[in-house]
Amino acid sequence: MPEKTIERITEMEECFDILSRAVKDNSFTHNELTDDLLRKLTDYYDSGQWLSDYEKDERGELPPDLKRGVLSEDGVYNLLCDIEQLK
């Protein structure tokens, strides 16, 4: 497994976690940090890279201890919809 894949998933997981917590805690606001995280996560999801990483996970190619909530089938989509509703 290329280290780059693990680094990318870890970075996107961090973006996903921060934004999810903010939405869940009802503390999400648009600012430079959240807009940057949102852009990164949206670019990842829309680029096809998310699907590639998801397929690697489905094939069991990712380390079992890798945190990967960002790869849940509906997680990113639902989060993006929740943020859009907050606008």
PDB file of N, CA and C in Angstrom:
ATOM      1  N   MET A   1       0.856  -1.182   0.000  1.00  0.00           N
ATOM      2  CA  MET A   1       0.000   0.000   0.000  1.00  0.00           C
ATOM      3  C   MET A   1       0.894   1.234   0.000  1.00  0.00           C
ATOM      4  N   PRO A   2       0.783   2.038  -1.025  1.00  0.00           N
ATOM      5  CA  PRO A   2       1.601   3.267  -1.061  1.00  0.00           C
ATOM      6  C   PRO A   2       1.306   4.172   0.135  1.00  0.00           C
ATOM      7  N   GLU A   3       2.371   4.709   0.700  1.00  0.00           N
ATOM      8  CA  GLU A   3       2.240   5.612   1.848  1.00  0.00           C
ATOM      9  C   GLU A   3       1.384   6.820   1.489  1.00  0.00           C
ATOM     10  N   LYS A   4       1.432   7.242   0.225  1.00  0.00           N
ATOM     11  CA  LYS A   4       0.669   8.411  -0.220  1.00  0.00           C
ATOM     12  C   LYS A   4      -0.838   8.197  -0.020  1.00  0.00           C
ATOM     13  N   THR A   5      -1.310   6.990  -0.268  1.00  0.00           N
ATOM     14  CA  THR A   5      -2.734   6.678  -0.079  1.00  0.00           C
ATOM     15  C   THR A   5      -3.116   6.823   1.385  1.00  0.00           C
ATOM     16  N   ILE A   6      -2.300   6.278   2.267  1.00  0.00           N
ATOM     17  CA  ILE A   6      -2.579   6.349   3.702  1.00  0.00           C
ATOM     18  C   ILE A   6      -2.540   7.801   4.176  1.00  0.00           C
ATOM     19  N   GLU A   7      -1.564   8.563   3.715  1.00  0.00           N
ATOM     20  CA  GLU A   7      -1.466   9.977   4.089  1.00  0.00           C
ATOM     21  C   GLU A   7      -2.701  10.750   3.615  1.00  0.00           C
ATOM     22  N   ARG A   8      -3.140  10.475   2.395  1.00  0.00           N
ATOM     23  CA  ARG A   8      -4.309  11.179   1.843  1.00  0.00           C
ATOM     24  C   ARG A   8      -5.567  10.850   2.652  1.00  0.00           C
ATOM     25  N   ILE A   9      -5.781   9.583   2.929  1.00  0.00           N
ATOM     26  CA  ILE A   9      -6.967   9.183   3.691  1.00  0.00           C
ATOM     27  C   ILE A   9      -6.918   9.779   5.096  1.00  0.00           C
ATOM     28  N   THR A  10      -5.747   9.779   5.707  1.00  0.00           N
ATOM     29  CA  THR A  10      -5.589  10.356   7.042  1.00  0.00           C
ATOM     30  C   THR A  10      -5.901  11.857   7.022  1.00  0.00           C
ATOM     31  N   GLU A  11      -5.408  12.566   6.019  1.00  0.00           N
ATOM     32  CA  GLU A  11      -5.674  14.003   5.908  1.00  0.00           C
ATOM     33  C   GLU A  11      -7.166  14.265   5.690  1.00  0.00           C
ATOM     34  N   MET A  12      -7.788  13.492   4.823  1.00  0.00           N
ATOM     35  CA  MET A  12      -9.212  13.689   4.542  1.00  0.00           C
ATOM     36  C   MET A  12     -10.063  13.287   5.734  1.00  0.00           C
ATOM     37  N   GLU A  13      -9.614  12.293   6.481  1.00  0.00           N
ATOM     38  CA  GLU A  13     -10.313  11.886   7.701  1.00  0.00           C
ATOM     39  C   GLU A  13     -10.304  13.022   8.719  1.00  0.00           C
ATOM     40  N   GLU A  14      -9.180  13.717   8.819  1.00  0.00           N
ATOM     41  CA  GLU A  14      -9.093  14.847   9.737  1.00  0.00           C
ATOM     42  C   GLU A  14     -10.064  15.962   9.320  1.00  0.00           C
ATOM     43  N   CYS A  15     -10.100  16.281   8.044  1.00  0.00           N
ATOM     44  CA  CYS A  15     -11.049  17.291   7.543  1.00  0.00           C
ATOM     45  C   CYS A  15     -12.483  16.867   7.855  1.00  0.00           C
ATOM     46  N   PHE A  16     -12.787  15.612   7.553  1.00  0.00           N
ATOM     47  CA  PHE A  16     -14.117  15.054   7.777  1.00  0.00           C
ATOM     48  C   PHE A  16     -14.503  15.131   9.250  1.00  0.00           C
ATOM     49  N   ASP A  17     -13.583  14.754  10.132  1.00  0.00           N
ATOM     50  CA  ASP A  17     -13.862  14.766  11.575  1.00  0.00           C
ATOM     51  C   ASP A  17     -14.115  16.172  12.096  1.00  0.00           C
ATOM     52  N   ILE A  18     -13.276  17.109  11.706  1.00  0.00           N
ATOM     53  CA  ILE A  18     -13.424  18.493  12.188  1.00  0.00           C
ATOM     54  C   ILE A  18     -14.754  19.081  11.725  1.00  0.00           C
ATOM     55  N   LEU A  19     -15.057  18.913  10.456  1.00  0.00           N
ATOM     56  CA  LEU A  19     -16.307  19.464   9.923  1.00  0.00           C
ATOM     57  C   LEU A  19     -17.521  18.752  10.520  1.00  0.00           C
ATOM     58  N   SER A  20     -17.438  17.439  10.668  1.00  0.00           N
ATOM     59  CA  SER A  20     -18.554  16.681  11.258  1.00  0.00           C
ATOM     60  C   SER A  20     -18.829  17.116  12.685  1.00  0.00           C
ATOM     61  N   ARG A  21     -17.759  17.296  13.466  1.00  0.00           N
ATOM     62  CA  ARG A  21     -17.927  17.750  14.857  1.00  0.00           C
ATOM     63  C   ARG A  21     -18.584  19.120  14.904  1.00  0.00           C
ATOM     64  N   ALA A  22     -18.155  20.017  14.027  1.00  0.00           N
ATOM     65  CA  ALA A  22     -18.715  21.368  14.019  1.00  0.00           C
ATOM     66  C   ALA A  22     -20.204  21.343  13.675  1.00  0.00           C
ATOM     67  N   VAL A  23     -20.584  20.510  12.718  1.00  0.00           N
ATOM     68  CA  VAL A  23     -22.000  20.405  12.350  1.00  0.00           C
ATOM     69  C   VAL A  23     -22.781  19.769  13.494  1.00  0.00           C
ATOM     70  N   LYS A  24     -22.241  18.698  14.059  1.00  0.00           N
ATOM     71  CA  LYS A  24     -22.926  17.996  15.152  1.00  0.00           C
ATOM     72  C   LYS A  24     -23.101  18.897  16.369  1.00  0.00           C
ATOM     73  N   ASP A  25     -22.081  19.682  16.685  1.00  0.00           N
ATOM     74  CA  ASP A  25     -22.127  20.569  17.839  1.00  0.00           C
ATOM     75  C   ASP A  25     -22.874  21.865  17.555  1.00  0.00           C
ATOM     76  N   ASN A  26     -23.360  21.984  16.327  1.00  0.00           N
ATOM     77  CA  ASN A  26     -24.083  23.185  15.909  1.00  0.00           C
ATOM     78  C   ASN A  26     -23.200  24.433  16.015  1.00  0.00           C
ATOM     79  N   SER A  27     -21.891  24.246  15.769  1.00  0.00           N
ATOM     80  CA  SER A  27     -20.964  25.363  15.868  1.00  0.00           C
ATOM     81  C   SER A  27     -20.299  25.672  14.521  1.00  0.00           C
ATOM     82  N   PHE A  28     -20.829  25.079  13.448  1.00  0.00           N
ATOM     83  CA  PHE A  28     -20.225  25.302  12.130  1.00  0.00           C
ATOM     84  C   PHE A  28     -20.466  26.734  11.677  1.00  0.00           C
ATOM     85  N   THR A  29     -19.400  27.398  11.297  1.00  0.00           N
ATOM     86  CA  THR A  29     -19.489  28.715  10.679  1.00  0.00           C
ATOM     87  C   THR A  29     -18.512  28.749   9.511  1.00  0.00           C
ATOM     88  N   HIS A  30     -18.870  29.522   8.515  1.00  0.00           N
ATOM     89  CA  HIS A  30     -17.939  29.684   7.398  1.00  0.00           C
ATOM     90  C   HIS A  30     -16.846  30.656   7.818  1.00  0.00           C
ATOM     91  N   ASN A  31     -15.631  30.183   7.758  1.00  0.00           N
ATOM     92  CA  ASN A  31     -14.466  31.015   8.012  1.00  0.00           C
ATOM     93  C   ASN A  31     -13.328  30.434   7.182  1.00  0.00           C
ATOM     94  N   GLU A  32     -12.173  31.019   7.276  1.00  0.00           N
ATOM     95  CA  GLU A  32     -11.065  30.578   6.435  1.00  0.00           C
ATOM     96  C   GLU A  32     -10.726  29.101   6.658  1.00  0.00           C
ATOM     97  N   LEU A  33     -10.709  28.668   7.913  1.00  0.00           N
ATOM     98  CA  LEU A  33     -10.366  27.276   8.222  1.00  0.00           C
ATOM     99  C   LEU A  33     -11.423  26.312   7.688  1.00  0.00           C
ATOM    100  N   THR A  34     -12.671  26.531   8.042  1.00  0.00           N
ATOM    101  CA  THR A  34     -13.705  25.589   7.610  1.00  0.00           C
ATOM    102  C   THR A  34     -13.884  25.610   6.099  1.00  0.00           C
ATOM    103  N   ASP A  35     -13.760  26.772   5.486  1.00  0.00           N
ATOM    104  CA  ASP A  35     -13.887  26.832   4.032  1.00  0.00           C
ATOM    105  C   ASP A  35     -12.750  26.079   3.348  1.00  0.00           C
ATOM    106  N   ASP A  36     -11.546  26.149   3.902  1.00  0.00           N
ATOM    107  CA  ASP A  36     -10.409  25.411   3.350  1.00  0.00           C
ATOM    108  C   ASP A  36     -10.624  23.903   3.521  1.00  0.00           C
ATOM    109  N   LEU A  37     -11.052  23.486   4.695  1.00  0.00           N
ATOM    110  CA  LEU A  37     -11.313  22.067   4.933  1.00  0.00           C
ATOM    111  C   LEU A  37     -12.432  21.563   4.036  1.00  0.00           C
ATOM    112  N   LEU A  38     -13.463  22.368   3.876  1.00  0.00           N
ATOM    113  CA  LEU A  38     -14.588  21.996   3.033  1.00  0.00           C
ATOM    114  C   LEU A  38     -14.164  21.873   1.572  1.00  0.00           C
ATOM    115  N   ARG A  39     -13.326  22.785   1.123  1.00  0.00           N
ATOM    116  CA  ARG A  39     -12.832  22.733  -0.255  1.00  0.00           C
ATOM    117  C   ARG A  39     -12.007  21.475  -0.479  1.00  0.00           C
ATOM    118  N   LYS A  40     -11.114  21.163   0.456  1.00  0.00           N
ATOM    119  CA  LYS A  40     -10.283  19.966   0.341  1.00  0.00           C
ATOM    120  C   LYS A  40     -11.141  18.697   0.288  1.00  0.00           C
ATOM    121  N   LEU A  41     -12.108  18.619   1.191  1.00  0.00           N
ATOM    122  CA  LEU A  41     -12.954  17.435   1.257  1.00  0.00           C
ATOM    123  C   LEU A  41     -13.821  17.310   0.002  1.00  0.00           C
ATOM    124  N   THR A  42     -14.374  18.414  -0.456  1.00  0.00           N
ATOM    125  CA  THR A  42     -15.199  18.400  -1.663  1.00  0.00           C
ATOM    126  C   THR A  42     -14.370  18.021  -2.888  1.00  0.00           C
ATOM    127  N   ASP A  43     -13.184  18.587  -3.005  1.00  0.00           N
ATOM    128  CA  ASP A  43     -12.297  18.249  -4.127  1.00  0.00           C
ATOM    129  C   ASP A  43     -11.959  16.759  -4.110  1.00  0.00           C
ATOM    130  N   TYR A  44     -11.662  16.226  -2.945  1.00  0.00           N
ATOM    131  CA  TYR A  44     -11.341  14.805  -2.794  1.00  0.00           C
ATOM    132  C   TYR A  44     -12.526  13.947  -3.228  1.00  0.00           C
ATOM    133  N   TYR A  45     -13.702  14.297  -2.756  1.00  0.00           N
ATOM    134  CA  TYR A  45     -14.905  13.518  -3.043  1.00  0.00           C
ATOM    135  C   TYR A  45     -15.264  13.582  -4.526  1.00  0.00           C
ATOM    136  N   ASP A  46     -15.135  14.757  -5.125  1.00  0.00           N
ATOM    137  CA  ASP A  46     -15.524  14.954  -6.521  1.00  0.00           C
ATOM    138  C   ASP A  46     -14.481  14.480  -7.527  1.00  0.00           C
ATOM    139  N   SER A  47     -13.233  14.319  -7.098  1.00  0.00           N
ATOM    140  CA  SER A  47     -12.144  14.037  -8.029  1.00  0.00           C
ATOM    141  C   SER A  47     -12.096  12.588  -8.513  1.00  0.00           C
ATOM    142  N   GLY A  48     -12.792  11.706  -7.877  1.00  0.00           N
ATOM    143  CA  GLY A  48     -12.671  10.295  -8.190  1.00  0.00           C
ATOM    144  C   GLY A  48     -11.679   9.597  -7.268  1.00  0.00           C
ATOM    145  N   GLN A  49     -10.871  10.379  -6.564  1.00  0.00           N
ATOM    146  CA  GLN A  49      -9.906   9.782  -5.639  1.00  0.00           C
ATOM    147  C   GLN A  49     -10.617   9.118  -4.474  1.00  0.00           C
ATOM    148  N   TRP A  50     -11.710   9.722  -4.023  1.00  0.00           N
ATOM    149  CA  TRP A  50     -12.491   9.109  -2.937  1.00  0.00           C
ATOM    150  C   TRP A  50     -12.946   7.712  -3.362  1.00  0.00           C
ATOM    151  N   LEU A  51     -13.483   7.604  -4.578  1.00  0.00           N
ATOM    152  CA  LEU A  51     -13.981   6.320  -5.064  1.00  0.00           C
ATOM    153  C   LEU A  51     -12.854   5.295  -5.149  1.00  0.00           C
ATOM    154  N   SER A  52     -11.704   5.722  -5.624  1.00  0.00           N
ATOM    155  CA  SER A  52     -10.547   4.829  -5.699  1.00  0.00           C
ATOM    156  C   SER A  52     -10.155   4.321  -4.308  1.00  0.00           C
ATOM    157  N   ASP A  53     -10.113   5.237  -3.330  1.00  0.00           N
ATOM    158  CA  ASP A  53      -9.769   4.846  -1.957  1.00  0.00           C
ATOM    159  C   ASP A  53     -10.853   3.941  -1.358  1.00  0.00           C
ATOM    160  N   TYR A  54     -12.103   4.248  -1.654  1.00  0.00           N
ATOM    161  CA  TYR A  54     -13.223   3.431  -1.181  1.00  0.00           C
ATOM    162  C   TYR A  54     -13.096   2.001  -1.724  1.00  0.00           C
ATOM    163  N   GLU A  55     -12.774   1.888  -3.006  1.00  0.00           N
ATOM    164  CA  GLU A  55     -12.627   0.571  -3.620  1.00  0.00           C
ATOM    165  C   GLU A  55     -11.450  -0.198  -3.019  1.00  0.00           C
ATOM    166  N   LYS A  56     -10.370   0.500  -2.702  1.00  0.00           N
ATOM    167  CA  LYS A  56      -9.241  -0.148  -2.024  1.00  0.00           C
ATOM    168  C   LYS A  56      -9.684  -0.698  -0.675  1.00  0.00           C
ATOM    169  N   ASP A  57     -10.502   0.083   0.033  1.00  0.00           N
ATOM    170  CA  ASP A  57     -11.008  -0.362   1.328  1.00  0.00           C
ATOM    171  C   ASP A  57     -11.895  -1.595   1.155  1.00  0.00           C
ATOM    172  N   GLU A  58     -12.757  -1.571   0.171  1.00  0.00           N
ATOM    173  CA  GLU A  58     -13.651  -2.703  -0.083  1.00  0.00           C
ATOM    174  C   GLU A  58     -12.875  -3.978  -0.425  1.00  0.00           C
ATOM    175  N   ARG A  59     -11.737  -3.833  -1.077  1.00  0.00           N
ATOM    176  CA  ARG A  59     -10.906  -4.987  -1.435  1.00  0.00           C
ATOM    177  C   ARG A  59     -10.003  -5.429  -0.274  1.00  0.00           C
ATOM    178  N   GLY A  60     -10.054  -4.707   0.839  1.00  0.00           N
ATOM    179  CA  GLY A  60      -9.249  -5.059   2.001  1.00  0.00           C
ATOM    180  C   GLY A  60      -7.787  -4.679   1.872  1.00  0.00           C
ATOM    181  N   GLU A  61      -7.509  -3.656   1.056  1.00  0.00           N
ATOM    182  CA  GLU A  61      -6.130  -3.256   0.804  1.00  0.00           C
ATOM    183  C   GLU A  61      -5.604  -2.200   1.778  1.00  0.00           C
ATOM    184  N   LEU A  62      -6.437  -1.738   2.679  1.00  0.00           N
ATOM    185  CA  LEU A  62      -6.006  -0.718   3.643  1.00  0.00           C
ATOM    186  C   LEU A  62      -5.678  -1.382   4.978  1.00  0.00           C
ATOM    187  N   PRO A  63      -4.733  -0.810   5.706  1.00  0.00           N
ATOM    188  CA  PRO A  63      -4.397  -1.385   7.020  1.00  0.00           C
ATOM    189  C   PRO A  63      -5.626  -1.403   7.925  1.00  0.00           C
ATOM    190  N   PRO A  64      -5.809  -2.475   8.677  1.00  0.00           N
ATOM    191  CA  PRO A  64      -7.006  -2.583   9.514  1.00  0.00           C
ATOM    192  C   PRO A  64      -7.113  -1.513  10.597  1.00  0.00           C
ATOM    193  N   ASP A  65      -5.997  -0.936  11.008  1.00  0.00           N
ATOM    194  CA  ASP A  65      -6.034   0.071  12.070  1.00  0.00           C
ATOM    195  C   ASP A  65      -6.159   1.497  11.531  1.00  0.00           C
ATOM    196  N   LEU A  66      -6.307   1.658  10.215  1.00  0.00           N
ATOM    197  CA  LEU A  66      -6.439   2.988   9.619  1.00  0.00           C
ATOM    198  C   LEU A  66      -7.850   3.516   9.850  1.00  0.00           C
ATOM    199  N   LYS A  67      -7.958   4.679  10.473  1.00  0.00           N
ATOM    200  CA  LYS A  67      -9.260   5.306  10.663  1.00  0.00           C
ATOM    201  C   LYS A  67      -9.764   5.735   9.297  1.00  0.00           C
ATOM    202  N   ARG A  68     -11.010   5.355   8.942  1.00  0.00           N
ATOM    203  CA  ARG A  68     -11.488   5.574   7.602  1.00  0.00           C
ATOM    204  C   ARG A  68     -12.976   5.931   7.503  1.00  0.00           C
ATOM    205  N   GLY A  69     -13.474   6.676   8.475  1.00  0.00           N
ATOM    206  CA  GLY A  69     -14.872   7.108   8.422  1.00  0.00           C
ATOM    207  C   GLY A  69     -15.185   7.916   7.183  1.00  0.00           C
ATOM    208  N   VAL A  70     -14.183   8.607   6.654  1.00  0.00           N
ATOM    209  CA  VAL A  70     -14.370   9.413   5.453  1.00  0.00           C
ATOM    210  C   VAL A  70     -14.713   8.533   4.245  1.00  0.00           C
ATOM    211  N   LEU A  71     -14.463   7.246   4.344  1.00  0.00           N
ATOM    212  CA  LEU A  71     -14.751   6.341   3.237  1.00  0.00           C
ATOM    213  C   LEU A  71     -16.113   5.660   3.362  1.00  0.00           C
ATOM    214  N   SER A  72     -16.897   6.026   4.376  1.00  0.00           N
ATOM    215  CA  SER A  72     -18.231   5.445   4.483  1.00  0.00           C
ATOM    216  C   SER A  72     -19.044   5.880   3.268  1.00  0.00           C
ATOM    217  N   GLU A  73     -19.922   5.011   2.798  1.00  0.00           N
ATOM    218  CA  GLU A  73     -20.627   5.273   1.547  1.00  0.00           C
ATOM    219  C   GLU A  73     -21.371   6.595   1.541  1.00  0.00           C
ATOM    220  N   ASP A  74     -22.024   6.931   2.619  1.00  0.00           N
ATOM    221  CA  ASP A  74     -22.839   8.148   2.628  1.00  0.00           C
ATOM    222  C   ASP A  74     -22.279   9.257   3.500  1.00  0.00           C
ATOM    223  N   GLY A  75     -21.204   8.998   4.217  1.00  0.00           N
ATOM    224  CA  GLY A  75     -20.698   9.957   5.190  1.00  0.00           C
ATOM    225  C   GLY A  75     -20.362  11.321   4.624  1.00  0.00           C
ATOM    226  N   VAL A  76     -19.527  11.383   3.607  1.00  0.00           N
ATOM    227  CA  VAL A  76     -19.121  12.677   3.040  1.00  0.00           C
ATOM    228  C   VAL A  76     -20.310  13.354   2.376  1.00  0.00           C
ATOM    229  N   TYR A  77     -21.068  12.605   1.612  1.00  0.00           N
ATOM    230  CA  TYR A  77     -22.235  13.173   0.926  1.00  0.00           C
ATOM    231  C   TYR A  77     -23.199  13.797   1.934  1.00  0.00           C
ATOM    232  N   ASN A  78     -23.522  13.060   2.980  1.00  0.00           N
ATOM    233  CA  ASN A  78     -24.450  13.573   3.996  1.00  0.00           C
ATOM    234  C   ASN A  78     -23.886  14.810   4.693  1.00  0.00           C
ATOM    235  N   LEU A  79     -22.592  14.795   4.987  1.00  0.00           N
ATOM    236  CA  LEU A  79     -21.971  15.950   5.633  1.00  0.00           C
ATOM    237  C   LEU A  79     -22.060  17.171   4.722  1.00  0.00           C
ATOM    238  N   LEU A  80     -21.746  17.013   3.449  1.00  0.00           N
ATOM    239  CA  LEU A  80     -21.818  18.134   2.513  1.00  0.00           C
ATOM    240  C   LEU A  80     -23.241  18.666   2.396  1.00  0.00           C
ATOM    241  N   CYS A  81     -24.219  17.784   2.399  1.00  0.00           N
ATOM    242  CA  CYS A  81     -25.619  18.216   2.375  1.00  0.00           C
ATOM    243  C   CYS A  81     -25.989  18.971   3.644  1.00  0.00           C
ATOM    244  N   ASP A  82     -25.534  18.466   4.800  1.00  0.00           N
ATOM    245  CA  ASP A  82     -25.809  19.149   6.069  1.00  0.00           C
ATOM    246  C   ASP A  82     -25.204  20.547   6.079  1.00  0.00           C
ATOM    247  N   ILE A  83     -23.996  20.681   5.573  1.00  0.00           N
ATOM    248  CA  ILE A  83     -23.342  22.001   5.536  1.00  0.00           C
ATOM    249  C   ILE A  83     -24.077  22.926   4.580  1.00  0.00           C
ATOM    250  N   GLU A  84     -24.514  22.394   3.455  1.00  0.00           N
ATOM    251  CA  GLU A  84     -25.254  23.205   2.481  1.00  0.00           C
ATOM    252  C   GLU A  84     -26.558  23.727   3.119  1.00  0.00           C
ATOM    253  N   GLN A  85     -27.211  22.915   3.912  1.00  0.00           N
ATOM    254  CA  GLN A  85     -28.446  23.328   4.582  1.00  0.00           C
ATOM    255  C   GLN A  85     -28.203  24.413   5.624  1.00  0.00           C
ATOM    256  N   LEU A  86     -26.998  24.462   6.161  1.00  0.00           N
ATOM    257  CA  LEU A  86     -26.671  25.468   7.168  1.00  0.00           C
ATOM    258  C   LEU A  86     -26.401  26.849   6.556  1.00  0.00           C
ATOM    259  N   LYS A  87     -26.199  26.894   5.267  1.00  0.00           N
ATOM    260  CA  LYS A  87     -25.887  28.175   4.607  1.00  0.00           C
ATOM    261  C   LYS A  87     -27.072  29.112   4.641  1.00  0.00           C
TER     262      LYS A  87
END
